[in-house]
Protein backbone atom coordinates (compact mmCIF):
# COMPACT_ATOMS: atom_id res chain seq x y z
CA UNK A 1 2.36 184.27 69.63
CA UNK A 2 4.25 182.15 72.39
CA UNK A 3 6.92 179.27 71.02
CA UNK A 4 9.27 177.15 72.66
CA UNK A 5 12.71 176.49 71.50
CA UNK A 6 14.65 173.59 72.79
CA UNK A 7 18.29 173.19 72.68
CA UNK A 8 21.06 170.77 73.95
CA UNK A 9 23.45 171.96 76.59
CA UNK A 10 27.05 170.43 76.57
CA UNK A 11 28.11 171.22 80.41
CA UNK A 12 31.55 170.18 81.74
CA UNK A 13 31.54 167.99 84.66
CA UNK A 14 31.99 170.82 87.07
CA UNK A 15 28.86 172.54 85.48
CA UNK A 16 26.93 169.15 85.74
CA UNK A 17 27.66 168.76 89.23
CA UNK A 18 26.54 172.45 89.89
CA UNK A 19 23.27 171.97 87.91
CA UNK A 20 22.43 168.89 90.01
CA UNK A 21 23.16 170.75 93.16
CA UNK A 22 20.79 173.57 92.03
CA UNK A 23 18.07 171.28 90.84
CA UNK A 24 18.07 169.42 94.23
CA UNK A 25 17.97 172.68 96.11
CA UNK A 26 14.92 173.46 94.13
CA UNK A 27 13.56 170.29 94.94
CA UNK A 28 13.92 170.69 98.64
CA UNK A 29 12.42 174.08 98.48
CA UNK A 30 9.26 172.40 96.56
CA UNK A 31 8.86 169.99 99.41
CA UNK A 32 9.22 172.50 102.14
CA UNK A 33 6.72 174.81 100.48
CA UNK A 34 4.38 171.85 99.97
CA UNK A 35 4.84 171.27 104.02
CA UNK A 36 4.06 175.03 104.77
CA UNK A 37 0.96 174.67 102.55
CA UNK A 38 -0.43 171.77 104.34
CA UNK A 39 0.67 173.42 107.64
CA UNK A 40 -1.15 176.87 107.06
CA UNK A 41 -4.16 174.94 105.73
CA UNK A 42 -4.51 172.92 108.90
CA UNK A 43 -4.04 176.27 111.01
CA UNK A 44 -6.43 178.68 109.18
CA UNK A 45 -8.81 176.20 107.46
CA UNK A 46 -8.07 177.59 103.94
CA UNK A 47 -5.17 177.32 101.35
CA UNK A 48 -2.49 180.21 101.56
CA UNK A 49 -2.12 182.28 98.28
CA UNK A 50 1.07 182.20 96.37
CA UNK A 51 2.03 185.51 97.52
CA UNK A 52 1.98 184.41 101.22
CA UNK A 53 4.39 181.51 100.67
CA UNK A 54 6.55 183.52 98.32
CA UNK A 55 6.98 186.12 100.61
CA UNK A 56 8.47 183.70 103.20
CA UNK A 57 11.54 183.19 100.85
CA UNK A 58 13.78 186.14 102.42
CA UNK A 59 13.29 184.79 105.94
CA UNK A 60 14.14 181.01 104.86
CA UNK A 61 17.49 182.31 103.52
CA UNK A 62 18.56 183.49 106.84
CA UNK A 63 18.84 179.99 108.14
CA UNK A 64 18.74 177.99 104.85
CA UNK A 65 22.03 178.91 103.52
CA UNK A 66 21.80 176.84 100.19
CA UNK A 67 19.10 179.09 98.98
CA UNK A 68 21.57 181.95 98.44
CA UNK A 69 23.30 180.10 96.00
CA UNK A 70 20.28 180.01 93.61
CA UNK A 71 18.89 182.87 91.74
CA UNK A 72 15.85 184.54 93.45
CA UNK A 73 13.73 184.36 90.48
CA UNK A 74 14.27 180.59 90.35
CA UNK A 75 13.17 180.10 93.80
CA UNK A 76 10.02 182.16 93.02
CA UNK A 77 9.15 179.79 90.06
CA UNK A 78 9.35 176.89 92.40
CA UNK A 79 6.70 178.24 94.54
CA UNK A 80 4.63 179.10 91.42
CA UNK A 81 5.07 175.42 90.05
CA UNK A 82 3.56 174.17 93.22
CA UNK A 83 0.45 176.22 92.63
CA UNK A 84 0.18 175.39 89.00
CA UNK A 85 0.05 171.68 90.23
CA UNK A 86 -2.70 172.66 92.48
CA UNK A 87 -4.69 174.09 89.64
CA UNK A 88 -4.08 170.73 87.55
CA UNK A 89 -5.51 168.86 90.47
CA UNK A 90 -8.55 171.08 90.66
CA UNK A 91 -9.17 170.89 86.93
CA UNK A 92 -9.23 167.25 87.28
CA UNK A 93 -11.42 167.20 90.15
CA UNK A 94 -13.98 169.51 88.20
CA UNK A 95 -13.97 167.07 85.24
CA UNK A 96 -15.06 163.96 87.63
CA UNK A 97 -11.69 162.58 88.09
CA UNK A 98 -10.82 161.12 91.60
CA UNK A 99 -7.67 163.02 92.84
CA UNK A 100 -5.60 162.70 95.84
CA UNK A 101 -3.14 165.07 97.26
CA UNK A 102 0.37 166.64 96.00
CA UNK A 103 3.20 164.40 97.27
CA UNK A 104 6.89 165.23 98.14
CA UNK A 105 9.30 165.03 95.04
CA UNK A 106 12.02 162.43 95.11
CA UNK A 107 15.17 163.59 92.91
CA UNK A 108 14.16 161.46 90.12
CA UNK A 109 10.90 163.38 89.44
CA UNK A 110 12.22 166.81 90.04
CA UNK A 111 14.41 167.26 86.92
CA UNK A 112 14.01 170.90 86.07
CA UNK A 113 14.11 174.68 87.24
CA UNK A 114 13.31 177.98 85.27
CA UNK A 115 14.64 181.42 85.14
CA UNK A 116 11.92 183.70 84.43
CA UNK A 117 12.13 187.28 82.98
CA UNK A 118 15.92 188.02 84.07
CA UNK A 119 18.96 185.97 85.09
CA UNK A 120 19.97 184.29 81.77
CA UNK A 121 21.11 185.37 78.38
CA UNK A 122 22.76 183.98 75.29
CA UNK A 123 26.21 185.29 74.64
CA UNK A 124 29.35 184.32 72.49
CA UNK A 125 32.40 183.45 74.42
CA UNK A 126 35.57 181.88 72.98
CA UNK A 127 34.22 181.40 69.57
CA UNK A 128 31.09 179.45 70.82
CA UNK A 129 27.78 180.22 72.02
CA UNK A 130 26.85 179.82 75.70
CA UNK A 131 23.98 180.21 77.78
CA UNK A 132 24.89 182.55 80.66
CA UNK A 133 22.92 181.64 84.04
CA UNK A 134 23.04 183.79 87.15
CA UNK A 135 24.97 182.04 89.77
CA UNK A 136 25.66 179.08 87.61
CA UNK A 137 27.82 180.56 84.87
CA UNK A 138 28.35 180.03 81.11
CA UNK A 139 27.29 176.70 79.82
CA UNK A 140 27.95 175.69 76.26
CA UNK A 141 24.85 175.25 74.00
CA UNK A 142 24.22 173.97 70.50
CA UNK A 143 22.02 176.30 68.56
CA UNK A 144 20.87 174.15 65.73
CA UNK A 145 18.31 176.54 64.63
CA UNK A 146 18.29 180.24 65.00
CA UNK A 147 16.02 182.25 67.29
CA UNK A 148 14.07 184.84 65.09
CA UNK A 149 15.52 188.40 65.60
CA UNK A 150 11.90 190.06 66.66
CA UNK A 151 11.46 187.24 69.37
CA UNK A 152 11.74 188.00 73.02
CA UNK A 153 13.07 185.64 75.51
CA UNK A 154 10.70 185.49 78.29
CA UNK A 155 12.28 182.49 80.33
CA UNK A 156 14.42 179.54 80.05
CA UNK A 157 13.94 176.05 81.59
CA UNK A 158 16.96 173.85 82.28
CA UNK A 159 16.08 170.19 82.31
CA UNK A 160 17.75 167.01 82.87
CA UNK A 161 16.58 164.01 80.90
CA UNK A 162 16.59 160.36 82.10
CA UNK A 163 19.53 160.01 79.87
CA UNK A 164 21.58 162.15 81.98
CA UNK A 165 21.58 164.77 79.15
CA UNK A 166 20.62 168.58 79.80
CA UNK A 167 18.42 170.66 77.58
CA UNK A 168 17.35 174.40 77.78
CA UNK A 169 14.00 175.16 76.58
CA UNK A 170 13.40 178.93 75.84
CA UNK A 171 9.82 180.51 75.96
CA UNK A 172 9.80 182.98 73.27
CA UNK A 173 7.22 185.75 72.38
CA UNK A 174 6.79 187.00 68.99
CA UNK A 175 5.63 190.40 68.11
CA UNK A 176 4.00 189.64 65.01
CA UNK A 177 0.50 187.93 64.72
CA UNK A 178 -0.19 184.86 62.89
CA UNK A 179 -1.95 185.53 59.17
CA UNK A 180 -5.58 185.27 59.01
CA UNK A 181 -7.13 182.12 57.64
CA UNK A 182 -8.74 182.62 54.19
CA UNK A 183 -12.43 183.32 53.94
CA UNK A 184 -12.76 181.10 50.90
CA UNK A 185 -10.03 178.34 51.05
CA UNK A 186 -8.95 177.19 47.75
CA UNK A 187 -6.87 174.12 48.54
CA UNK A 188 -8.49 171.77 51.10
CA UNK A 189 -7.60 168.44 52.27
CA UNK A 190 -9.14 165.73 54.66
CA UNK A 191 -7.09 163.34 56.50
CA UNK A 192 -7.88 159.89 57.81
CA UNK A 193 -5.14 158.42 60.36
CA UNK A 194 -4.79 154.85 61.06
CA UNK A 195 -2.54 152.01 61.97
CA UNK A 196 -1.49 150.45 58.63
CA UNK A 197 -1.40 153.83 56.91
CA UNK A 198 -0.74 156.71 59.21
CA UNK A 199 -2.54 159.29 57.03
CA UNK A 200 -4.60 158.89 53.99
CA UNK A 201 -5.67 162.17 52.71
CA UNK A 202 -8.29 163.32 49.79
CA UNK A 203 -5.49 164.20 47.32
CA UNK A 204 -4.66 160.37 47.18
CA UNK A 205 -1.42 160.26 49.40
CA UNK A 206 -1.13 157.61 51.72
CA UNK A 207 1.71 157.80 54.16
CA UNK A 208 2.91 154.75 55.74
CA UNK A 209 3.24 154.31 59.49
CA UNK A 210 6.70 154.72 61.01
CA UNK A 211 8.61 151.42 61.32
CA UNK A 212 10.04 151.23 64.77
CA UNK A 213 10.26 147.54 65.25
CA UNK A 214 13.97 147.54 65.55
CA UNK A 215 14.03 150.14 68.02
CA UNK A 216 11.49 148.73 70.03
CA UNK A 217 13.26 145.28 69.84
CA UNK A 218 16.28 146.78 71.11
CA UNK A 219 14.54 148.48 74.12
CA UNK A 220 12.93 145.11 75.13
CA UNK A 221 16.21 143.63 75.20
CA UNK A 222 17.79 146.14 77.38
CA UNK A 223 14.74 146.13 79.76
CA UNK A 224 15.28 142.36 80.02
CA UNK A 225 19.03 142.99 80.97
CA UNK A 226 17.71 145.76 83.68
CA UNK A 227 15.51 143.23 85.35
CA UNK A 228 18.66 140.91 85.84
CA UNK A 229 20.62 143.69 87.74
CA UNK A 230 20.67 144.20 91.35
CA UNK A 231 18.68 147.26 92.13
CA UNK A 232 20.76 150.33 93.40
CA UNK A 233 24.07 148.88 92.07
CA UNK A 234 26.40 150.58 89.55
CA UNK A 235 25.47 148.16 86.91
CA UNK A 236 21.95 148.67 87.41
CA UNK A 237 22.43 152.42 86.99
CA UNK A 238 24.24 152.02 83.74
CA UNK A 239 21.76 149.86 82.33
CA UNK A 240 18.91 152.15 83.58
CA UNK A 241 20.69 154.78 81.36
CA UNK A 242 20.76 152.43 78.46
CA UNK A 243 17.02 151.86 78.76
CA UNK A 244 16.45 155.71 78.94
CA UNK A 245 18.47 155.95 75.97
CA UNK A 246 16.15 153.39 73.89
CA UNK A 247 13.05 155.44 75.08
CA UNK A 248 14.51 158.74 74.01
CA UNK A 249 15.49 157.18 70.57
CA UNK A 250 11.85 156.08 70.06
CA UNK A 251 10.30 159.36 71.13
CA UNK A 252 12.60 161.50 69.06
CA UNK A 253 12.27 159.38 65.90
CA UNK A 254 8.35 159.45 66.41
CA UNK A 255 8.28 163.22 67.02
CA UNK A 256 10.58 163.90 64.03
CA UNK A 257 8.18 162.20 61.77
CA UNK A 258 5.18 164.01 63.15
CA UNK A 259 6.65 167.16 63.17
CA UNK A 260 7.51 166.86 59.32
CA UNK A 261 4.21 165.48 58.46
CA UNK A 262 2.10 168.08 60.08
CA UNK A 263 4.27 170.86 58.93
CA UNK A 264 3.68 169.72 55.57
CA UNK A 265 0.05 169.77 55.85
CA UNK A 266 0.00 173.18 57.55
CA UNK A 267 2.11 174.80 54.77
CA UNK A 268 0.59 173.39 51.60
CA UNK A 269 -3.12 173.78 52.22
CA UNK A 270 -5.64 176.55 53.13
CA UNK A 271 -7.89 173.94 55.09
CA UNK A 272 -7.02 170.79 56.81
CA UNK A 273 -9.98 168.55 58.26
CA UNK A 274 -9.30 165.90 60.68
CA UNK A 275 -11.10 163.49 63.10
CA UNK A 276 -11.63 164.70 66.77
CA UNK A 277 -10.39 161.40 68.05
CA UNK A 278 -10.97 160.28 71.81
CA UNK A 279 -7.54 158.66 71.86
CA UNK A 280 -7.77 158.24 75.60
CA UNK A 281 -10.73 156.00 75.31
CA UNK A 282 -9.14 154.02 72.44
CA UNK A 283 -6.30 153.14 74.51
CA UNK A 284 -8.45 151.72 77.19
CA UNK A 285 -9.82 149.42 74.56
CA UNK A 286 -8.13 145.60 75.29
CA UNK A 287 -7.46 145.46 71.63
CA UNK A 288 -4.80 147.09 69.65
CA UNK A 289 -3.98 149.64 72.33
CA UNK A 290 -0.14 149.24 71.88
CA UNK A 291 -0.23 150.15 68.22
CA UNK A 292 -2.74 153.12 69.15
CA UNK A 293 -0.28 154.28 71.64
CA UNK A 294 2.77 154.03 69.35
CA UNK A 295 0.90 155.90 66.50
CA UNK A 296 0.51 159.08 68.75
CA UNK A 297 -2.56 160.64 67.15
CA UNK A 298 -3.26 163.13 69.72
CA UNK A 299 0.20 164.47 69.48
CA UNK A 300 -0.10 164.80 65.73
CA UNK A 301 -3.35 166.57 65.89
CA UNK A 302 -1.89 168.90 68.57
CA UNK A 303 1.24 169.59 66.52
CA UNK A 304 -1.08 170.02 63.40
CA UNK A 305 -3.42 172.41 65.12
CA UNK A 306 -0.60 174.91 66.42
CA UNK A 307 1.20 174.91 62.98
CA UNK A 308 -2.01 175.39 61.09
CA UNK A 309 -2.47 178.60 63.34
CA UNK A 310 0.91 179.62 62.80
CA UNK A 311 0.66 179.53 58.93
CA UNK A 312 -2.94 180.88 58.71
CA UNK A 313 -4.52 177.56 57.88
CA UNK A 314 -8.14 176.56 58.83
CA UNK A 315 -7.98 173.84 61.46
CA UNK A 316 -11.23 171.74 61.70
CA UNK A 317 -11.57 168.71 64.05
CA UNK A 318 -14.82 166.96 63.02
CA UNK A 319 -17.01 164.29 64.89
CA UNK A 320 -15.51 160.90 63.74
CA UNK A 321 -18.71 158.83 64.18
CA UNK A 322 -19.58 157.03 60.81
CA UNK A 323 -16.75 158.57 58.45
CA UNK A 324 -15.92 154.92 57.44
CA UNK A 325 -19.45 153.69 57.09
CA UNK A 326 -20.78 156.56 55.10
CA UNK A 327 -20.47 156.69 51.37
CA UNK A 328 -18.65 159.75 50.44
CA UNK A 329 -20.68 160.09 46.99
CA UNK A 330 -24.23 159.60 48.19
CA UNK A 331 -24.04 159.45 52.17
CA UNK A 332 -25.63 155.99 52.50
CA UNK A 333 -24.13 153.90 55.45
CA UNK A 334 -22.75 150.54 54.78
CA UNK A 335 -21.40 148.51 57.67
CA UNK A 336 -18.19 146.86 56.86
CA UNK A 337 -15.56 144.90 59.55
CA UNK A 338 -12.21 146.19 59.83
CA UNK A 339 -10.39 143.67 57.61
CA UNK A 340 -12.49 144.98 54.49
CA UNK A 341 -10.05 147.73 53.19
CA UNK A 342 -12.13 148.81 50.20
CA UNK A 343 -15.42 150.69 50.11
CA UNK A 344 -18.16 149.70 47.77
CA UNK A 345 -21.51 151.30 47.99
CA UNK A 346 -24.46 149.38 46.86
CA UNK A 347 -26.59 152.41 46.46
CA UNK A 348 -24.78 154.39 44.06
CA UNK A 349 -21.82 151.93 42.93
CA UNK A 350 -19.10 154.25 44.29
CA UNK A 351 -15.85 152.32 45.11
CA UNK A 352 -12.70 153.63 46.65
CA UNK A 353 -10.11 152.82 49.28
CA UNK A 354 -11.76 152.41 52.81
CA UNK A 355 -9.52 155.31 54.11
CA UNK A 356 -9.79 157.29 51.06
CA UNK A 357 -13.67 157.24 51.59
CA UNK A 358 -13.30 158.40 55.17
CA UNK A 359 -10.95 161.19 54.24
CA UNK A 360 -13.55 162.47 51.97
CA UNK A 361 -16.30 162.24 54.66
CA UNK A 362 -13.94 164.18 56.89
CA UNK A 363 -13.23 167.03 54.60
CA UNK A 364 -16.93 167.14 53.70
CA UNK A 365 -17.91 167.61 57.45
CA UNK A 366 -15.13 169.99 57.84
CA UNK A 367 -16.12 172.34 55.15
CA UNK A 368 -19.64 172.38 56.59
CA UNK A 369 -18.33 173.56 60.03
CA UNK A 370 -16.26 176.21 58.45
CA UNK A 371 -19.29 177.31 56.31
CA UNK A 372 -17.46 177.66 53.09
CA UNK A 373 -19.65 175.04 51.04
CA UNK A 374 -18.39 171.79 49.31
CA UNK A 375 -15.25 171.27 47.21
CA UNK A 376 -15.74 171.64 43.54
CA UNK A 377 -14.26 168.16 43.02
CA UNK A 378 -16.14 165.05 43.69
CA UNK A 379 -15.09 161.90 45.33
CA UNK A 380 -15.88 160.10 42.14
CA UNK A 381 -13.49 162.16 40.20
CA UNK A 382 -10.59 161.95 42.41
CA UNK A 383 -10.78 158.82 44.52
CA UNK A 384 -10.75 156.23 41.47
CA UNK A 385 -7.18 156.91 40.42
CA UNK A 386 -4.48 154.80 42.38
CA UNK A 387 -3.39 156.26 45.67
CA UNK A 388 0.15 157.42 46.04
CA UNK A 389 1.84 155.38 48.74
CA UNK A 390 4.64 157.30 50.53
CA UNK A 391 6.85 155.72 53.03
CA UNK A 392 7.28 157.20 56.41
CA UNK A 393 10.98 157.41 55.67
CA UNK A 394 10.32 159.65 52.73
CA UNK A 395 8.27 162.13 54.70
CA UNK A 396 10.25 165.48 54.70
CA UNK A 397 9.65 168.99 55.55
CA UNK A 398 7.40 171.28 53.41
CA UNK A 399 9.60 172.66 50.68
CA UNK A 400 11.19 169.64 49.34
CA UNK A 401 9.48 168.41 46.19
CA UNK A 402 9.46 164.88 47.12
CA UNK A 403 5.92 164.56 48.42
CA UNK A 404 4.29 166.93 45.95
CA UNK A 405 6.03 165.18 43.03
CA UNK A 406 4.52 161.71 43.98
CA UNK A 407 0.95 163.39 44.61
CA UNK A 408 1.19 165.20 41.15
CA UNK A 409 2.34 162.35 39.25
CA UNK A 410 -0.51 160.07 40.59
CA UNK A 411 -3.03 162.67 39.58
CA UNK A 412 -1.76 162.98 36.15
CA UNK A 413 -1.87 159.28 35.35
C-alpha cells in the first residue's frame, strides 16, 4: 500500500532563501513548459507527449543557467505536474464540467516541488535528524512519528504553506498487504453524521460536533484587520500571515478530530456502514451551507475509507435517501421536519432518537450490500437505552479506554 507521512521542516534563514529560489525556478519552468505545449499544439495541431517536452530539458540548461542549480529529477517532475493538470481538466470535461485552459502560475500559487526516486534521504547529523536534498543541503526535520522499517521511500514533496512554514511529505510504499476483511463480521456499526451531533452510531454513542467558534471568531477579527491594510505593504504582509495562521489552526484542529474519530471506528469494528452523501450538492443549498462545510463530512468519509482498508474492516457507503424517514423496526416511512429530533412510528410504536433510527437503517442497508444478513440485535433492544453523549474534545485515538468505557456503561444501565 502507498501512504503519505508529513513532517515539519525547521530550515535556517539561508535554507529558506534557497528553498524559495528552487521553488521559483520550478515555477518558471512550469510556465515555460506550458508555453512550449501551447506553441507545439499550434504548430502541429495536437498536444505533445510528456516525453517530448521532458527531452528538451538538457537543451534548456545550455542557456538557462538556473536550471543547473536544481536536481534533474525535480525538473522532470515539474513537466509531469503539467501533464497531471491536463489529465485533471480532461476528467472534469468528460464529467460534463465547463473547463478552460491551464494558466501561468504566479508565485503564490506554486508552493511545492518534488524529489522522485532519488536525490533525498533521511540522515542523522550533529545529534539531529536532517533531510538531505541534492543541491540544497541538509535541512533539520521533526520526525514526530517513525516511518516503518519495512517502508520504501518513493518520493518527497517539499511545500511552503501560506503561513511561511515548510513541510516535507514522504510518499511511502509498504511491502505488506492489508488484512482481508472478515467474511462474517461480528462487530458492525452504522454511523449517521450530522451538525448538532457529528456522529451517532448504532452502539448508542453520540459524538458532539467540534466547537470551533472561538477560532472562527479570531479569524474574522484578523480578516477585518487585513481589509484595512494597504495592499502590498509590509503591514499587509504581516497581517496576511496572521490570517493564514488562523486558517491553518482551524484546519489542523478539524483534521485532528476527524483522524481520531475515523481511526476509532476503523480499529474497533469489523464493518462500518455510512451514508454516501453528496456533500457538494448540499453545499450548493442556500441554507446551512456554512455548517455543512465546517463539518467536513466528505473528508471524514475519505479518511474512514482508507483507514478501514488498512485495518481490514468492511467499509460500506449506502444510499442516504429515506434513512431518517424509515422506521428501523418495521420499515414504514414517516415524514418529520428537521426540528423533530425523536422518531416515533405510528405503525409499530417504535421510539428512538432521530439519529439513532437513521444509524440503524444505514447499518441494515450496509449489511444487505455486503451480503452477510442482518445483525442479531434488533433496534428495539438497543436503541431504547439513553444514548452516550461524548464531547468532541473527548474523542481520542483507539486504544484509550475513554470512548469504550462510556459506551459500555451506557449499555449496562
